[in-house]
């Protein structure tokens, strides 16, 4: 059964948001097209990135905890990760949008964005020789700059609030993948290519990686929602 550990973890990640998608208040199912489109856009970047980093030994997978089925040199469970995790996180985002009145971080979202841009830039410069760190934070810096200066995205405050809440399941799922509950990690990392700092068993770089991944999905989702409202294709 160890070989199905990663697979079962992904199925558990998907199960609750999938079952609750039809709940009458949030009705997350109505946002599925936007979530699927956002996930497809994100995968165009993240799947080749994952294949590249796996091939160069930036990270890899423990045969002990995977089924042994591979697509493009990635375990099938890793493909599930890129579809199931964004789906679950987008569900949390929409639940918060329904139950949290207003936009608590809306008034400071630009300051938060500017601070994240500065932090990402500093990390990408300081760790320019660490492939995972440099790639993650340079891309995050550029995407946040686009949001702040060009797109002027109005939903970033809501995204940051959801991202804070998402860190709870993030610690559980990523912890389960990095050896928090098992003798060996499911996904191993080459510390020569990251900051070498861990949040429990999770490389700290993963926080930036997940922020970039989810922000791409939510950006496309918000674009979809705006288009549904106005009938006109917009960027926000």
Protein backbone atom coordinates (compact mmCIF):
# COMPACT_ATOMS: atom_id res chain seq x y z
CA UNK A 1 0.00 0.00 0.00
CA UNK A 2 2.97 2.36 0.39
CA UNK A 3 3.07 2.71 -3.38
CA UNK A 4 -0.33 4.41 -3.29
CA UNK A 5 0.55 6.97 -0.61
CA UNK A 6 0.94 9.94 -2.98
CA UNK A 7 -2.11 8.85 -4.99
CA UNK A 8 -4.33 8.56 -1.90
CA UNK A 9 -3.11 11.93 -0.64
CA UNK A 10 -4.17 13.57 -3.91
CA UNK A 11 -7.56 11.86 -3.89
CA UNK A 12 -8.17 13.07 -0.33
CA UNK A 13 -7.14 16.58 -1.36
CA UNK A 14 -9.72 16.56 -4.13
CA UNK A 15 -12.56 14.76 -2.35
CA UNK A 16 -14.03 17.42 -0.06
CA UNK A 17 -14.00 20.41 -2.44
CA UNK A 18 -15.36 18.20 -5.22
CA UNK A 19 -18.24 16.93 -3.08
CA UNK A 20 -19.00 20.44 -1.74
CA UNK A 21 -18.89 22.05 -5.18
CA UNK A 22 -22.66 21.64 -5.47
CA UNK A 23 -23.47 23.20 -2.08
CA UNK A 24 -26.33 25.65 -2.63
CA UNK A 25 -24.70 28.77 -1.15
CA UNK A 26 -21.24 28.95 -2.70
CA UNK A 27 -22.12 26.81 -5.75
CA UNK A 28 -18.47 26.37 -6.64
CA UNK A 29 -19.49 24.28 -9.65
CA UNK A 30 -20.41 27.48 -11.52
CA UNK A 31 -16.75 28.51 -11.39
CA UNK A 32 -15.37 25.22 -12.68
CA UNK A 33 -14.76 26.50 -16.24
CA UNK A 34 -12.66 29.38 -14.89
CA UNK A 35 -10.75 27.09 -12.53
CA UNK A 36 -10.08 24.55 -15.29
CA UNK A 37 -8.93 27.27 -17.68
CA UNK A 38 -6.69 28.79 -15.02
CA UNK A 39 -5.24 25.38 -14.21
CA UNK A 40 -4.52 24.76 -17.90
CA UNK A 41 -2.69 28.08 -18.22
CA UNK A 42 -0.70 27.37 -15.05
CA UNK A 43 0.20 23.86 -16.27
CA UNK A 44 1.64 25.28 -19.49
CA UNK A 45 4.32 26.83 -17.28
CA UNK A 46 4.57 24.47 -14.32
CA UNK A 47 4.57 21.09 -16.05
CA UNK A 48 7.62 21.87 -18.26
CA UNK A 49 9.23 23.48 -15.21
CA UNK A 50 8.62 20.29 -13.20
CA UNK A 51 9.96 18.06 -15.99
CA UNK A 52 13.07 20.24 -16.25
CA UNK A 53 13.78 20.30 -12.51
CA UNK A 54 13.19 16.56 -12.21
CA UNK A 55 15.56 15.85 -15.10
CA UNK A 56 18.30 18.08 -13.61
CA UNK A 57 17.95 16.73 -10.06
CA UNK A 58 16.57 19.85 -8.40
CA UNK A 59 13.95 17.54 -6.94
CA UNK A 60 12.78 14.00 -7.44
CA UNK A 61 10.34 11.31 -6.33
CA UNK A 62 10.67 8.38 -3.98
CA UNK A 63 9.69 5.13 -5.71
CA UNK A 64 8.55 3.79 -2.34
CA UNK A 65 5.46 6.06 -2.30
CA UNK A 66 4.38 6.30 -5.95
CA UNK A 67 2.46 3.92 -8.20
CA UNK A 68 5.20 3.70 -10.82
CA UNK A 69 3.09 5.14 -13.65
CA UNK A 70 4.92 7.99 -15.40
CA UNK A 71 3.90 10.56 -18.00
CA UNK A 72 6.69 12.71 -19.51
CA UNK A 73 9.05 11.47 -16.80
CA UNK A 74 6.70 12.63 -14.02
CA UNK A 75 4.71 10.30 -11.75
CA UNK A 76 1.01 10.35 -12.55
CA UNK A 77 0.45 11.55 -8.97
CA UNK A 78 2.50 14.65 -9.74
CA UNK A 79 0.19 15.45 -12.63
CA UNK A 80 -2.72 15.06 -10.21
CA UNK A 81 -1.03 17.54 -7.87
CA UNK A 82 -1.19 20.27 -10.51
CA UNK A 83 -4.88 19.68 -11.13
CA UNK A 84 -6.24 18.73 -7.71
CA UNK A 85 -4.38 21.17 -5.45
CA UNK A 86 -5.35 24.33 -7.41
CA UNK A 87 -8.94 23.07 -7.52
CA UNK A 88 -9.00 22.67 -3.73
CA UNK A 89 -7.34 26.07 -3.18
CA UNK A 90 -9.72 27.84 -5.56
CA UNK A 91 -12.58 26.27 -3.58
CA UNK A 92 -11.18 27.79 -0.36
CA UNK A 93 -10.83 31.14 -2.14
CA UNK A 94 -14.47 31.16 -3.24
CA UNK A 95 -15.76 29.97 0.15
CA UNK A 96 -13.95 32.88 1.80
CA UNK A 97 -15.33 35.28 -0.79
CA UNK A 98 -18.83 34.13 0.16
CA UNK A 99 -18.50 34.10 3.93
CA UNK A 100 -16.10 37.02 4.56
CA UNK A 101 -17.86 40.34 4.14
CA UNK A 102 -16.07 42.91 2.04
CA UNK A 103 -12.34 42.83 1.39
CA UNK A 104 -10.43 43.06 4.71
CA UNK A 105 -7.04 43.42 3.01
CA UNK A 106 -8.23 45.48 0.06
CA UNK A 107 -7.03 48.76 1.55
CA UNK A 108 -3.47 47.49 1.98
CA UNK A 109 -3.23 45.07 -0.95
CA UNK A 110 -0.88 47.32 -2.92
CA UNK A 111 1.45 47.66 0.07
CA UNK A 112 1.44 43.89 0.53
CA UNK A 113 2.13 43.41 -3.16
CA UNK A 114 4.99 45.93 -3.11
CA UNK A 115 6.51 44.20 -0.08
CA UNK A 116 6.26 40.80 -1.77
CA UNK A 117 7.85 42.20 -4.93
CA UNK A 118 10.75 43.60 -2.89
CA UNK A 119 11.18 40.33 -0.95
CA UNK A 120 11.02 38.22 -4.12
CA UNK A 121 13.55 40.45 -5.86
CA UNK A 122 15.96 40.29 -2.92
CA UNK A 123 15.70 36.50 -2.68
CA UNK A 124 16.23 36.07 -6.42
CA UNK A 125 19.38 38.22 -6.22
CA UNK A 126 20.80 36.72 -3.02
CA UNK A 127 20.16 33.17 -4.24
CA UNK A 128 20.91 33.72 -7.91
CA UNK A 129 23.06 30.56 -7.86
CA UNK A 130 20.23 28.40 -6.47
CA UNK A 131 18.09 27.30 -9.40
CA UNK A 132 14.84 26.63 -7.52
CA UNK A 133 15.01 29.83 -5.48
CA UNK A 134 16.05 32.08 -8.37
CA UNK A 135 13.48 30.71 -10.81
CA UNK A 136 10.60 30.80 -8.33
CA UNK A 137 11.12 34.25 -6.89
CA UNK A 138 12.17 35.98 -10.09
CA UNK A 139 8.98 34.75 -11.79
CA UNK A 140 6.87 35.66 -8.76
CA UNK A 141 8.45 39.14 -8.68
CA UNK A 142 7.66 39.74 -12.37
CA UNK A 143 4.08 38.47 -12.07
CA UNK A 144 3.37 40.62 -9.02
CA UNK A 145 4.86 43.64 -10.81
CA UNK A 146 2.44 43.01 -13.66
CA UNK A 147 -0.47 42.85 -11.23
CA UNK A 148 0.58 46.03 -9.41
CA UNK A 149 1.64 48.29 -12.27
CA UNK A 150 -0.15 47.05 -15.37
CA UNK A 151 -3.22 45.03 -14.50
CA UNK A 152 -3.93 46.89 -11.23
CA UNK A 153 -5.77 43.79 -10.06
CA UNK A 154 -8.58 44.57 -7.58
CA UNK A 155 -8.78 41.05 -6.12
CA UNK A 156 -5.30 40.72 -4.62
CA UNK A 157 -6.48 41.50 -1.09
CA UNK A 158 -8.91 38.60 -1.28
CA UNK A 159 -6.19 36.39 -2.73
CA UNK A 160 -3.75 37.22 0.08
CA UNK A 161 -6.38 36.46 2.74
CA UNK A 162 -7.18 33.12 1.09
CA UNK A 163 -3.48 32.34 0.73
CA UNK A 164 -2.99 32.81 4.47
CA UNK A 165 -5.83 30.38 5.21
CA UNK A 166 -4.53 27.94 2.60
CA UNK A 167 -1.27 27.65 4.54
CA UNK A 168 -3.06 25.33 6.99
CA UNK A 169 -3.83 22.57 4.45
CA UNK A 170 -0.56 23.50 2.70
CA UNK A 171 1.39 22.47 5.78
CA UNK A 172 -0.47 19.18 5.96
CA UNK A 173 -0.28 18.22 2.28
CA UNK A 174 3.23 19.50 1.59
CA UNK A 175 4.33 18.14 4.94
CA UNK A 176 2.98 14.74 3.94
CA UNK A 177 4.96 14.96 0.70
CA UNK A 178 8.22 16.02 2.34
CA UNK A 179 8.44 13.43 5.11
CA UNK A 180 6.46 14.93 7.98
CA UNK A 181 4.48 11.69 8.45
CA UNK A 182 6.69 9.12 6.74
CA UNK A 183 10.21 7.74 7.32
CA UNK A 184 11.30 9.10 3.93
CA UNK A 185 9.98 12.01 1.85
CA UNK A 186 7.74 11.36 -1.12
CA UNK A 187 9.33 14.32 -2.90
CA UNK A 188 13.00 14.99 -2.17
CA UNK A 189 14.82 18.28 -2.78
CA UNK A 190 18.43 19.06 -3.62
CA UNK A 191 19.30 21.66 -0.99
CA UNK A 192 22.10 22.98 -3.19
CA UNK A 193 19.37 24.43 -5.43
CA UNK A 194 17.14 26.02 -2.78
CA UNK A 195 17.56 28.28 0.24
CA UNK A 196 18.20 25.33 2.53
CA UNK A 197 15.55 26.62 4.97
CA UNK A 198 12.64 24.43 6.03
CA UNK A 199 9.19 25.08 7.44
CA UNK A 200 8.90 21.83 9.39
CA UNK A 201 9.94 19.48 6.56
CA UNK A 202 8.91 21.82 3.72
CA UNK A 203 11.49 23.86 1.78
CA UNK A 204 10.66 27.52 2.34
CA UNK A 205 10.91 28.07 -1.41
CA UNK A 206 7.67 26.09 -1.75
CA UNK A 207 5.71 29.01 -0.28
CA UNK A 208 6.72 31.25 -3.18
CA UNK A 209 6.22 28.41 -5.67
CA UNK A 210 2.68 27.78 -4.44
CA UNK A 211 1.85 31.48 -4.36
CA UNK A 212 2.85 31.84 -8.01
CA UNK A 213 0.98 28.69 -9.00
CA UNK A 214 -2.24 29.71 -7.26
CA UNK A 215 -2.08 33.36 -8.32
CA UNK A 216 -2.00 32.30 -11.97
CA UNK A 217 -5.10 30.15 -11.45
CA UNK A 218 -6.99 32.81 -9.49
CA UNK A 219 -6.08 35.52 -12.02
CA UNK A 220 -7.65 33.51 -14.84
CA UNK A 221 -10.61 32.60 -12.63
CA UNK A 222 -11.26 36.27 -11.84
CA UNK A 223 -11.00 37.08 -15.54
CA UNK A 224 -13.59 34.39 -16.23
CA UNK A 225 -15.93 35.77 -13.56
CA UNK A 226 -15.57 39.31 -14.89
CA UNK A 227 -16.27 38.13 -18.42
CA UNK A 228 -19.38 36.32 -17.22
CA UNK A 229 -20.59 39.50 -15.54
CA UNK A 230 -19.89 41.93 -18.36
CA UNK A 231 -19.91 39.72 -21.42
CA UNK A 232 -16.64 41.39 -22.45
CA UNK A 233 -13.18 39.84 -22.23
CA UNK A 234 -11.11 41.74 -19.68
CA UNK A 235 -7.83 41.08 -17.94
CA UNK A 236 -9.00 41.60 -14.36
